[in-house]
Amino acid sequence: MPVLRDAVEQQRAFIIKKLIKAGIFKQAELDTRTLTLTDLLSIYEKHLSRKE
């Protein structure tokens, strides 16, 4: 199971970096650690839909 856990954590880290770069989260915010991958993807998709 560590492979799946690692993959999820890598994807979480990728999405968090994208959200920080987009200015949605500040780098020092700890809220990102409590959000699930699903929550992060939802926030990211909302940002993308507003951008279009």
C-alpha atoms as a PDB file:
ATOM      1  CA  MET A   1       0.000   0.000   0.000  1.00  0.00           C
ATOM      2  CA  PRO A   2       2.816   2.509   0.399  1.00  0.00           C
ATOM      3  CA  VAL A   3       2.932   2.929  -3.384  1.00  0.00           C
ATOM      4  CA  LEU A   4      -0.655   4.158  -3.491  1.00  0.00           C
ATOM      5  CA  ARG A   5      -0.102   6.420  -0.486  1.00  0.00           C
ATOM      6  CA  ASP A   6       3.021   7.876  -2.121  1.00  0.00           C
ATOM      7  CA  ALA A   7       1.144   8.503  -5.365  1.00  0.00           C
ATOM      8  CA  VAL A   8      -1.646  10.339  -3.534  1.00  0.00           C
ATOM      9  CA  GLU A   9       0.857  12.431  -1.575  1.00  0.00           C
ATOM     10  CA  GLN A  10       2.730  13.318  -4.757  1.00  0.00           C
ATOM     11  CA  GLN A  11      -0.486  14.421  -6.428  1.00  0.00           C
ATOM     12  CA  ARG A  12      -1.494  16.432  -3.325  1.00  0.00           C
ATOM     13  CA  ALA A  13       1.902  18.160  -3.352  1.00  0.00           C
ATOM     14  CA  PHE A  14       1.547  18.932  -7.072  1.00  0.00           C
ATOM     15  CA  ILE A  15      -1.928  20.450  -6.670  1.00  0.00           C
ATOM     16  CA  ILE A  16      -0.851  22.431  -3.590  1.00  0.00           C
ATOM     17  CA  LYS A  17       2.080  23.898  -5.549  1.00  0.00           C
ATOM     18  CA  LYS A  18      -0.297  24.865  -8.363  1.00  0.00           C
ATOM     19  CA  LEU A  19      -2.693  26.529  -5.891  1.00  0.00           C
ATOM     20  CA  ILE A  20       0.166  28.426  -4.251  1.00  0.00           C
ATOM     21  CA  LYS A  21       1.459  29.565  -7.637  1.00  0.00           C
ATOM     22  CA  ALA A  22      -2.050  30.713  -8.581  1.00  0.00           C
ATOM     23  CA  GLY A  23      -2.229  32.745  -5.358  1.00  0.00           C
ATOM     24  CA  ILE A  24      -5.097  30.763  -3.857  1.00  0.00           C
ATOM     25  CA  PHE A  25      -3.015  29.560  -0.918  1.00  0.00           C
ATOM     26  CA  LYS A  26      -0.065  31.169   0.775  1.00  0.00           C
ATOM     27  CA  GLN A  27       2.973  28.953   1.175  1.00  0.00           C
ATOM     28  CA  ALA A  28       2.856  29.175   4.972  1.00  0.00           C
ATOM     29  CA  GLU A  29      -0.796  28.113   5.264  1.00  0.00           C
ATOM     30  CA  LEU A  30      -1.233  24.864   7.134  1.00  0.00           C
ATOM     31  CA  ASP A  31      -4.835  24.404   5.972  1.00  0.00           C
ATOM     32  CA  THR A  32      -3.553  22.547   2.930  1.00  0.00           C
ATOM     33  CA  ARG A  33      -2.306  19.716   5.145  1.00  0.00           C
ATOM     34  CA  THR A  34      -5.798  19.034   6.471  1.00  0.00           C
ATOM     35  CA  LEU A  35      -7.492  19.060   3.063  1.00  0.00           C
ATOM     36  CA  THR A  36      -8.007  15.812   1.205  1.00  0.00           C
ATOM     37  CA  LEU A  37      -6.901  15.314  -2.365  1.00  0.00           C
ATOM     38  CA  THR A  38     -10.554  15.511  -3.410  1.00  0.00           C
ATOM     39  CA  ASP A  39     -10.929  18.881  -1.638  1.00  0.00           C
ATOM     40  CA  LEU A  40      -7.782  20.225  -3.269  1.00  0.00           C
ATOM     41  CA  LEU A  41      -8.850  19.057  -6.725  1.00  0.00           C
ATOM     42  CA  SER A  42     -12.242  20.681  -6.250  1.00  0.00           C
ATOM     43  CA  ILE A  43     -10.634  24.012  -5.331  1.00  0.00           C
ATOM     44  CA  TYR A  44      -8.241  23.729  -8.268  1.00  0.00           C
ATOM     45  CA  GLU A  45     -11.051  22.937 -10.739  1.00  0.00           C
ATOM     46  CA  LYS A  46     -13.081  25.917  -9.473  1.00  0.00           C
ATOM     47  CA  HIS A  47     -10.038  28.125 -10.036  1.00  0.00           C
ATOM     48  CA  LEU A  48      -9.626  26.799 -13.566  1.00  0.00           C
ATOM     49  CA  SER A  49     -13.303  27.340 -14.397  1.00  0.00           C
ATOM     50  CA  ARG A  50     -13.097  30.977 -13.213  1.00  0.00           C
ATOM     51  CA  LYS A  51      -9.990  31.493 -15.274  1.00  0.00           C
ATOM     52  CA  GLU A  52     -11.738  30.554 -18.530  1.00  0.00           C
END
